[in-house]
Amino acid sequence: MKSTQSKNKGVGILFKVRPFLITLLVLFVLLSFCGTCLAQDKDLSDNIITVTGEGTVKVAPDTAEIYFAVITNAAEAQKAQTANAEISYKVIAALQGNGIAAADISTLNYSFYPNYVYAENQPPKLTGYEVTNEIKVTIRSLDKIGAIIDLAVKNGINRIQNINFYANNSMDQKIQALRQAVSDARIKADTIAATLGKKIIGVKSASGNWYGNQMTPIYYEKMASLPSFGGGAATDINPGQVEITANAEVVYLID
């Protein structure tokens, strides 16, 4: 009787241990499988080619920004400020009177500082004051650029610093440029892979961006001193084209 009880007890322990053993076995198999997968993924991720591509699309601009400045000098500070304010007001009024919206005229910088003459072995001598009011004007009708420049100079602008051109509503061109960049990246990757005796089997990651209105500004430093201003032929400005550029970085899997 005692022997039978011991046998039953051993069987009970066996049944309790078996599920635990099965669980351990399943975990071992899963871990082994995952380890194999991770090893394969690691080996696969080591076989990569990273390339960058570029794309460019040109488009006619539809907007320009002109950077004017009113610069006044006077022996007295208040006179320099007053003269600058009067000229600036006159210029802005003339621009608005010729179709430039108030929202498209803004002050970028206003500076006021004294002028000194420095002589050898002499203390600095104050000679007067200079006031500069820098104004940005946005023009949405490019055929008016020359006339706007002439008008601003006629009313007192004495420095035209530069002109930037932009293309608004250029989403189609941006998409086209990015597609070019991706295609450029693939061509480079195919070339590298073929040279190495490999082939592309997939893409690990990719990123890209576009940049609109890439154009070197036209600089007109102290342009008001040129003979064509203040009379003669109207100023002729050719906006040309702006460039929409894009780049892409793609990591390809190779085998």
C-alpha atoms as a PDB file:
ATOM      1  CA  MET A   1       0.000   0.000   0.000  1.00  0.00           C
ATOM      2  CA  LYS A   2       2.805   2.318   0.867  1.00  0.00           C
ATOM      3  CA  SER A   3       4.620   1.462  -2.380  1.00  0.00           C
ATOM      4  CA  THR A   4       1.518   2.345  -4.416  1.00  0.00           C
ATOM      5  CA  GLN A   5       1.232   5.736  -2.733  1.00  0.00           C
ATOM      6  CA  SER A   6       4.875   6.491  -3.480  1.00  0.00           C
ATOM      7  CA  LYS A   7       4.385   5.546  -7.130  1.00  0.00           C
ATOM      8  CA  ASN A   8       1.325   7.790  -7.466  1.00  0.00           C
ATOM      9  CA  LYS A   9       3.187  10.602  -5.848  1.00  0.00           C
ATOM     10  CA  GLY A  10       6.064  10.218  -8.351  1.00  0.00           C
ATOM     11  CA  VAL A  11       3.631  10.267 -11.256  1.00  0.00           C
ATOM     12  CA  GLY A  12       2.071  13.465  -9.912  1.00  0.00           C
ATOM     13  CA  ILE A  13       5.447  15.131  -9.716  1.00  0.00           C
ATOM     14  CA  LEU A  14       6.213  14.009 -13.259  1.00  0.00           C
ATOM     15  CA  PHE A  15       3.001  15.568 -14.594  1.00  0.00           C
ATOM     16  CA  LYS A  16       3.821  18.810 -12.785  1.00  0.00           C
ATOM     17  CA  VAL A  17       7.349  18.936 -14.156  1.00  0.00           C
ATOM     18  CA  ARG A  18       6.426  18.066 -17.749  1.00  0.00           C
ATOM     19  CA  PRO A  19       4.610  21.370 -18.578  1.00  0.00           C
ATOM     20  CA  PHE A  20       7.581  23.264 -17.205  1.00  0.00           C
ATOM     21  CA  LEU A  21       9.973  21.268 -19.373  1.00  0.00           C
ATOM     22  CA  ILE A  22       7.773  21.800 -22.427  1.00  0.00           C
ATOM     23  CA  THR A  23       7.716  25.532 -21.760  1.00  0.00           C
ATOM     24  CA  LEU A  24      11.489  25.636 -21.489  1.00  0.00           C
ATOM     25  CA  LEU A  25      11.822  23.682 -24.722  1.00  0.00           C
ATOM     26  CA  VAL A  26       9.499  26.068 -26.567  1.00  0.00           C
ATOM     27  CA  LEU A  27      11.392  29.092 -25.270  1.00  0.00           C
ATOM     28  CA  PHE A  28      14.676  27.529 -26.323  1.00  0.00           C
ATOM     29  CA  VAL A  29      13.387  26.933 -29.851  1.00  0.00           C
ATOM     30  CA  LEU A  30      11.999  30.466 -30.105  1.00  0.00           C
ATOM     31  CA  LEU A  31      15.211  32.022 -28.826  1.00  0.00           C
ATOM     32  CA  SER A  32      17.256  29.958 -31.230  1.00  0.00           C
ATOM     33  CA  PHE A  33      14.991  31.012 -34.116  1.00  0.00           C
ATOM     34  CA  CYS A  34      15.123  34.676 -33.120  1.00  0.00           C
ATOM     35  CA  GLY A  35      18.873  34.492 -32.717  1.00  0.00           C
ATOM     36  CA  THR A  36      19.155  33.092 -36.223  1.00  0.00           C
ATOM     37  CA  CYS A  37      16.887  35.837 -37.577  1.00  0.00           C
ATOM     38  CA  LEU A  38      18.891  38.532 -35.817  1.00  0.00           C
ATOM     39  CA  ALA A  39      22.115  37.084 -37.166  1.00  0.00           C
ATOM     40  CA  GLN A  40      20.652  37.031 -40.655  1.00  0.00           C
ATOM     41  CA  ASP A  41      19.374  40.596 -40.301  1.00  0.00           C
ATOM     42  CA  LYS A  42      22.778  41.706 -39.050  1.00  0.00           C
ATOM     43  CA  ASP A  43      24.512  40.038 -41.949  1.00  0.00           C
ATOM     44  CA  LEU A  44      21.990  41.597 -44.326  1.00  0.00           C
ATOM     45  CA  SER A  45      22.337  45.067 -42.831  1.00  0.00           C
ATOM     46  CA  ASP A  46      26.086  44.901 -43.273  1.00  0.00           C
ATOM     47  CA  ASN A  47      25.653  44.547 -47.043  1.00  0.00           C
ATOM     48  CA  ILE A  48      24.518  48.053 -47.872  1.00  0.00           C
ATOM     49  CA  ILE A  49      25.293  50.929 -50.211  1.00  0.00           C
ATOM     50  CA  THR A  50      24.568  54.485 -49.098  1.00  0.00           C
ATOM     51  CA  VAL A  51      24.194  57.049 -51.876  1.00  0.00           C
ATOM     52  CA  THR A  52      22.908  60.591 -52.326  1.00  0.00           C
ATOM     53  CA  GLY A  53      21.100  61.912 -55.363  1.00  0.00           C
ATOM     54  CA  GLU A  54      20.373  65.404 -56.628  1.00  0.00           C
ATOM     55  CA  GLY A  55      17.700  66.918 -58.822  1.00  0.00           C
ATOM     56  CA  THR A  56      17.180  70.391 -60.272  1.00  0.00           C
ATOM     57  CA  VAL A  57      14.222  71.952 -62.072  1.00  0.00           C
ATOM     58  CA  LYS A  58      14.208  75.506 -63.412  1.00  0.00           C
ATOM     59  CA  VAL A  59      11.101  77.645 -63.330  1.00  0.00           C
ATOM     60  CA  ALA A  60      10.247  81.240 -64.156  1.00  0.00           C
ATOM     61  CA  PRO A  61       9.882  83.385 -61.001  1.00  0.00           C
ATOM     62  CA  ASP A  62       6.699  85.252 -60.212  1.00  0.00           C
ATOM     63  CA  THR A  63       7.769  87.325 -57.202  1.00  0.00           C
ATOM     64  CA  ALA A  64      10.703  89.629 -56.456  1.00  0.00           C
ATOM     65  CA  GLU A  65      12.042  91.232 -53.303  1.00  0.00           C
ATOM     66  CA  ILE A  66      14.023  94.462 -53.658  1.00  0.00           C
ATOM     67  CA  TYR A  67      16.120  95.780 -50.791  1.00  0.00           C
ATOM     68  CA  PHE A  68      16.295  99.579 -50.774  1.00  0.00           C
ATOM     69  CA  ALA A  69      17.984 101.929 -48.315  1.00  0.00           C
ATOM     70  CA  VAL A  70      17.590 105.595 -47.463  1.00  0.00           C
ATOM     71  CA  ILE A  71      20.851 107.030 -46.134  1.00  0.00           C
ATOM     72  CA  THR A  72      21.066 110.576 -44.775  1.00  0.00           C
ATOM     73  CA  ASN A  73      23.913 112.544 -43.219  1.00  0.00           C
ATOM     74  CA  ALA A  74      23.819 115.767 -41.247  1.00  0.00           C
ATOM     75  CA  ALA A  75      25.931 117.679 -38.770  1.00  0.00           C
ATOM     76  CA  GLU A  76      23.187 117.382 -36.170  1.00  0.00           C
ATOM     77  CA  ALA A  77      21.544 114.125 -35.117  1.00  0.00           C
ATOM     78  CA  GLN A  78      17.977 115.416 -35.269  1.00  0.00           C
ATOM     79  CA  LYS A  79      18.464 116.830 -38.765  1.00  0.00           C
ATOM     80  CA  ALA A  80      19.818 113.483 -40.013  1.00  0.00           C
ATOM     81  CA  GLN A  81      16.841 111.656 -38.507  1.00  0.00           C
ATOM     82  CA  THR A  82      14.289 114.156 -39.793  1.00  0.00           C
ATOM     83  CA  ALA A  83      15.683 114.095 -43.321  1.00  0.00           C
ATOM     84  CA  ASN A  84      15.668 110.307 -43.349  1.00  0.00           C
ATOM     85  CA  ALA A  85      12.092 110.127 -42.098  1.00  0.00           C
ATOM     86  CA  GLU A  86      10.893 112.609 -44.725  1.00  0.00           C
ATOM     87  CA  ILE A  87      12.554 110.748 -47.605  1.00  0.00           C
ATOM     88  CA  SER A  88      11.400 107.352 -46.367  1.00  0.00           C
ATOM     89  CA  TYR A  89       7.823 108.583 -46.071  1.00  0.00           C
ATOM     90  CA  LYS A  90       7.980 110.036 -49.577  1.00  0.00           C
ATOM     91  CA  VAL A  91       9.342 106.779 -51.044  1.00  0.00           C
ATOM     92  CA  ILE A  92       6.751 104.609 -49.309  1.00  0.00           C
ATOM     93  CA  ALA A  93       3.910 106.894 -50.357  1.00  0.00           C
ATOM     94  CA  ALA A  94       5.099 106.789 -53.973  1.00  0.00           C
ATOM     95  CA  LEU A  95       5.316 102.990 -53.931  1.00  0.00           C
ATOM     96  CA  GLN A  96       1.848 102.612 -52.465  1.00  0.00           C
ATOM     97  CA  GLY A  97       0.519 105.101 -54.984  1.00  0.00           C
ATOM     98  CA  ASN A  98       1.806 102.818 -57.754  1.00  0.00           C
ATOM     99  CA  GLY A  99       0.098  99.647 -56.635  1.00  0.00           C
ATOM    100  CA  ILE A 100       2.463  98.238 -53.966  1.00  0.00           C
ATOM    101  CA  ALA A 101       0.419  97.071 -50.976  1.00  0.00           C
ATOM    102  CA  ALA A 102       1.363  98.346 -47.539  1.00  0.00           C
ATOM    103  CA  ALA A 103       1.875  94.743 -46.397  1.00  0.00           C
ATOM    104  CA  ASP A 104       4.544  94.345 -49.096  1.00  0.00           C
ATOM    105  CA  ILE A 105       6.662  97.191 -47.720  1.00  0.00           C
ATOM    106  CA  SER A 106       8.604  96.584 -44.520  1.00  0.00           C
ATOM    107  CA  THR A 107      11.574  98.015 -42.624  1.00  0.00           C
ATOM    108  CA  LEU A 108      14.396  95.493 -42.281  1.00  0.00           C
ATOM    109  CA  ASN A 109      16.851  97.597 -40.343  1.00  0.00           C
ATOM    110  CA  TYR A 110      17.190 101.089 -38.956  1.00  0.00           C
ATOM    111  CA  SER A 111      20.554 102.393 -37.803  1.00  0.00           C
ATOM    112  CA  PHE A 112      21.873 105.642 -36.420  1.00  0.00           C
ATOM    113  CA  TYR A 113      25.466 106.353 -35.564  1.00  0.00           C
ATOM    114  CA  PRO A 114      27.934 109.252 -35.339  1.00  0.00           C
ATOM    115  CA  ASN A 115      30.732 109.808 -37.844  1.00  0.00           C
ATOM    116  CA  TYR A 116      34.230 110.628 -36.642  1.00  0.00           C
ATOM    117  CA  VAL A 117      37.468 111.712 -38.278  1.00  0.00           C
ATOM    118  CA  TYR A 118      40.574 110.094 -36.852  1.00  0.00           C
ATOM    119  CA  ALA A 119      43.812 112.064 -37.203  1.00  0.00           C
ATOM    120  CA  GLU A 120      47.218 110.936 -36.014  1.00  0.00           C
ATOM    121  CA  ASN A 121      47.980 111.969 -32.435  1.00  0.00           C
ATOM    122  CA  GLN A 122      44.609 113.674 -32.248  1.00  0.00           C
ATOM    123  CA  PRO A 123      41.420 112.698 -30.428  1.00  0.00           C
ATOM    124  CA  PRO A 124      38.514 111.592 -32.644  1.00  0.00           C
ATOM    125  CA  LYS A 125      36.555 114.526 -34.063  1.00  0.00           C
ATOM    126  CA  LEU A 126      32.797 114.259 -34.505  1.00  0.00           C
ATOM    127  CA  THR A 127      31.805 115.329 -38.017  1.00  0.00           C
ATOM    128  CA  GLY A 128      28.111 114.468 -38.063  1.00  0.00           C
ATOM    129  CA  TYR A 129      25.591 111.655 -38.004  1.00  0.00           C
ATOM    130  CA  GLU A 130      24.422 109.038 -40.443  1.00  0.00           C
ATOM    131  CA  VAL A 131      20.975 107.424 -40.457  1.00  0.00           C
ATOM    132  CA  THR A 132      20.111 104.367 -42.568  1.00  0.00           C
ATOM    133  CA  ASN A 133      16.621 103.006 -43.122  1.00  0.00           C
ATOM    134  CA  GLU A 134      16.615  99.674 -45.006  1.00  0.00           C
ATOM    135  CA  ILE A 135      13.324  98.817 -46.709  1.00  0.00           C
ATOM    136  CA  LYS A 136      12.214  95.562 -48.311  1.00  0.00           C
ATOM    137  CA  VAL A 137       9.653  95.788 -51.106  1.00  0.00           C
ATOM    138  CA  THR A 138       7.875  92.716 -52.456  1.00  0.00           C
ATOM    139  CA  ILE A 139       6.821  92.969 -56.093  1.00  0.00           C
ATOM    140  CA  ARG A 140       4.278  90.503 -57.464  1.00  0.00           C
ATOM    141  CA  SER A 141       4.212  91.817 -61.035  1.00  0.00           C
ATOM    142  CA  LEU A 142       7.719  91.345 -62.391  1.00  0.00           C
ATOM    143  CA  ASP A 143       7.120  93.551 -65.401  1.00  0.00           C
ATOM    144  CA  LYS A 144       6.999  96.491 -62.962  1.00  0.00           C
ATOM    145  CA  ILE A 145      10.428  95.944 -61.389  1.00  0.00           C
ATOM    146  CA  GLY A 146      12.283  98.490 -63.519  1.00  0.00           C
ATOM    147  CA  ALA A 147       9.607 101.129 -63.041  1.00  0.00           C
ATOM    148  CA  ILE A 148       9.527 100.543 -59.261  1.00  0.00           C
ATOM    149  CA  ILE A 149      13.309 100.953 -59.028  1.00  0.00           C
ATOM    150  CA  ASP A 150      13.219 104.168 -61.025  1.00  0.00           C
ATOM    151  CA  LEU A 151      10.336 105.474 -58.923  1.00  0.00           C
ATOM    152  CA  ALA A 152      12.118 104.697 -55.644  1.00  0.00           C
ATOM    153  CA  VAL A 153      15.325 106.398 -56.758  1.00  0.00           C
ATOM    154  CA  LYS A 154      13.409 109.428 -58.049  1.00  0.00           C
ATOM    155  CA  ASN A 155      11.809 109.864 -54.630  1.00  0.00           C
ATOM    156  CA  GLY A 156      15.019 109.648 -52.610  1.00  0.00           C
ATOM    157  CA  ILE A 157      16.275 106.060 -52.387  1.00  0.00           C
ATOM    158  CA  ASN A 158      20.076 106.229 -52.620  1.00  0.00           C
ATOM    159  CA  ARG A 159      21.029 102.583 -52.292  1.00  0.00           C
ATOM    160  CA  ILE A 160      19.612  99.456 -53.913  1.00  0.00           C
ATOM    161  CA  GLN A 161      21.320  96.570 -52.181  1.00  0.00           C
ATOM    162  CA  ASN A 162      20.058  93.491 -53.991  1.00  0.00           C
ATOM    163  CA  ILE A 163      17.119  91.746 -55.652  1.00  0.00           C
ATOM    164  CA  ASN A 164      15.915  88.204 -54.967  1.00  0.00           C
ATOM    165  CA  PHE A 165      13.505  86.329 -57.222  1.00  0.00           C
ATOM    166  CA  TYR A 166      11.118  83.590 -56.098  1.00  0.00           C
ATOM    167  CA  ALA A 167       8.648  81.146 -57.603  1.00  0.00           C
ATOM    168  CA  ASN A 168       5.511  80.615 -55.558  1.00  0.00           C
ATOM    169  CA  ASN A 169       3.119  77.701 -56.109  1.00  0.00           C
ATOM    170  CA  SER A 170       6.014  75.533 -57.322  1.00  0.00           C
ATOM    171  CA  MET A 171       4.973  72.254 -55.688  1.00  0.00           C
ATOM    172  CA  ASP A 172       4.889  70.373 -59.010  1.00  0.00           C
ATOM    173  CA  GLN A 173       8.465  71.435 -59.732  1.00  0.00           C
ATOM    174  CA  LYS A 174       9.562  70.433 -56.221  1.00  0.00           C
ATOM    175  CA  ILE A 175       8.082  66.960 -56.675  1.00  0.00           C
ATOM    176  CA  GLN A 176       9.773  66.658 -60.051  1.00  0.00           C
ATOM    177  CA  ALA A 177      13.132  67.664 -58.574  1.00  0.00           C
ATOM    178  CA  LEU A 178      12.810  65.130 -55.745  1.00  0.00           C
ATOM    179  CA  ARG A 179      11.969  62.360 -58.205  1.00  0.00           C
ATOM    180  CA  GLN A 180      15.074  63.275 -60.152  1.00  0.00           C
ATOM    181  CA  ALA A 181      17.106  63.062 -56.964  1.00  0.00           C
ATOM    182  CA  VAL A 182      15.790  59.568 -56.159  1.00  0.00           C
ATOM    183  CA  SER A 183      16.475  58.385 -59.723  1.00  0.00           C
ATOM    184  CA  ASP A 184      19.957  59.856 -59.532  1.00  0.00           C
ATOM    185  CA  ALA A 185      20.581  57.941 -56.295  1.00  0.00           C
ATOM    186  CA  ARG A 186      19.459  54.670 -57.892  1.00  0.00           C
ATOM    187  CA  ILE A 187      21.735  55.152 -60.904  1.00  0.00           C
ATOM    188  CA  LYS A 188      24.684  55.719 -58.604  1.00  0.00           C
ATOM    189  CA  ALA A 189      23.789  52.670 -56.484  1.00  0.00           C
ATOM    190  CA  ASP A 190      23.429  50.434 -59.565  1.00  0.00           C
ATOM    191  CA  THR A 191      26.820  51.567 -60.795  1.00  0.00           C
ATOM    192  CA  ILE A 192      28.512  50.886 -57.466  1.00  0.00           C
ATOM    193  CA  ALA A 193      26.821  47.505 -57.020  1.00  0.00           C
ATOM    194  CA  ALA A 194      27.692  46.352 -60.539  1.00  0.00           C
ATOM    195  CA  THR A 195      31.300  47.406 -60.080  1.00  0.00           C
ATOM    196  CA  LEU A 196      31.479  45.355 -56.882  1.00  0.00           C
ATOM    197  CA  GLY A 197      29.861  42.353 -58.523  1.00  0.00           C
ATOM    198  CA  LYS A 198      26.743  42.755 -56.404  1.00  0.00           C
ATOM    199  CA  LYS A 199      23.087  43.432 -57.060  1.00  0.00           C
ATOM    200  CA  ILE A 200      20.517  45.566 -55.286  1.00  0.00           C
ATOM    201  CA  ILE A 201      17.872  43.497 -53.498  1.00  0.00           C
ATOM    202  CA  GLY A 202      16.002  46.131 -51.514  1.00  0.00           C
ATOM    203  CA  VAL A 203      15.956  49.463 -49.690  1.00  0.00           C
ATOM    204  CA  LYS A 204      16.845  49.746 -46.023  1.00  0.00           C
ATOM    205  CA  SER A 205      16.004  53.447 -45.602  1.00  0.00           C
ATOM    206  CA  ALA A 206      15.478  56.620 -47.585  1.00  0.00           C
ATOM    207  CA  SER A 207      15.114  60.338 -46.939  1.00  0.00           C
ATOM    208  CA  GLY A 208      14.933  63.465 -49.030  1.00  0.00           C
ATOM    209  CA  ASN A 209      14.052  67.133 -49.202  1.00  0.00           C
ATOM    210  CA  TRP A 210      13.601  69.942 -51.682  1.00  0.00           C
ATOM    211  CA  TYR A 211      14.750  73.531 -51.635  1.00  0.00           C
ATOM    212  CA  GLY A 212      12.967  76.176 -53.643  1.00  0.00           C
ATOM    213  CA  ASN A 213      14.097  79.354 -55.308  1.00  0.00           C
ATOM    214  CA  GLN A 214      17.834  78.717 -55.336  1.00  0.00           C
ATOM    215  CA  MET A 215      19.179  81.705 -57.193  1.00  0.00           C
ATOM    216  CA  THR A 216      22.151  83.975 -56.746  1.00  0.00           C
ATOM    217  CA  PRO A 217      20.831  87.432 -55.797  1.00  0.00           C
ATOM    218  CA  ILE A 218      21.439  90.363 -58.122  1.00  0.00           C
ATOM    219  CA  TYR A 219      23.438  92.965 -56.223  1.00  0.00           C
ATOM    220  CA  TYR A 220      23.065  96.688 -56.880  1.00  0.00           C
ATOM    221  CA  GLU A 221      25.293  98.251 -54.256  1.00  0.00           C
ATOM    222  CA  LYS A 222      25.000 102.052 -54.505  1.00  0.00           C
ATOM    223  CA  MET A 223      23.229 101.640 -57.808  1.00  0.00           C
ATOM    224  CA  ALA A 224      21.703 105.104 -57.528  1.00  0.00           C
ATOM    225  CA  SER A 225      25.070 106.606 -58.483  1.00  0.00           C
ATOM    226  CA  LEU A 226      24.940 105.043 -61.961  1.00  0.00           C
ATOM    227  CA  PRO A 227      24.298 107.414 -64.898  1.00  0.00           C
ATOM    228  CA  SER A 228      21.098 105.592 -65.892  1.00  0.00           C
ATOM    229  CA  PHE A 229      19.404 106.723 -62.695  1.00  0.00           C
ATOM    230  CA  GLY A 230      17.818 110.098 -62.322  1.00  0.00           C
ATOM    231  CA  GLY A 231      17.022 110.328 -66.003  1.00  0.00           C
ATOM    232  CA  GLY A 232      17.564 108.527 -69.285  1.00  0.00           C
ATOM    233  CA  ALA A 233      16.379 105.037 -70.192  1.00  0.00           C
ATOM    234  CA  ALA A 234      14.251 103.042 -67.756  1.00  0.00           C
ATOM    235  CA  THR A 235      15.967 100.377 -65.697  1.00  0.00           C
ATOM    236  CA  ASP A 236      15.798  96.975 -67.385  1.00  0.00           C
ATOM    237  CA  ILE A 237      15.752  93.949 -65.066  1.00  0.00           C
ATOM    238  CA  ASN A 238      15.719  90.394 -66.440  1.00  0.00           C
ATOM    239  CA  PRO A 239      14.587  87.916 -63.749  1.00  0.00           C
ATOM    240  CA  GLY A 240      15.744  84.823 -65.658  1.00  0.00           C
ATOM    241  CA  GLN A 241      14.842  81.550 -63.938  1.00  0.00           C
ATOM    242  CA  VAL A 242      15.092  80.228 -60.407  1.00  0.00           C
ATOM    243  CA  GLU A 243      16.137  76.694 -59.531  1.00  0.00           C
ATOM    244  CA  ILE A 244      14.132  74.233 -57.483  1.00  0.00           C
ATOM    245  CA  THR A 245      16.634  71.731 -56.090  1.00  0.00           C
ATOM    246  CA  ALA A 246      16.191  68.476 -54.175  1.00  0.00           C
ATOM    247  CA  ASN A 247      18.381  65.801 -52.655  1.00  0.00           C
ATOM    248  CA  ALA A 248      17.771  62.245 -51.525  1.00  0.00           C
ATOM    249  CA  GLU A 249      19.757  59.797 -49.414  1.00  0.00           C
ATOM    250  CA  VAL A 250      18.988  56.118 -49.941  1.00  0.00           C
ATOM    251  CA  VAL A 251      20.483  53.082 -48.216  1.00  0.00           C
ATOM    252  CA  TYR A 252      20.232  50.045 -50.522  1.00  0.00           C
ATOM    253  CA  LEU A 253      20.548  46.387 -49.517  1.00  0.00           C
ATOM    254  CA  ILE A 254      22.874  44.408 -51.766  1.00  0.00           C
ATOM    255  CA  ASP A 255      23.722  40.732 -52.211  1.00  0.00           C
END
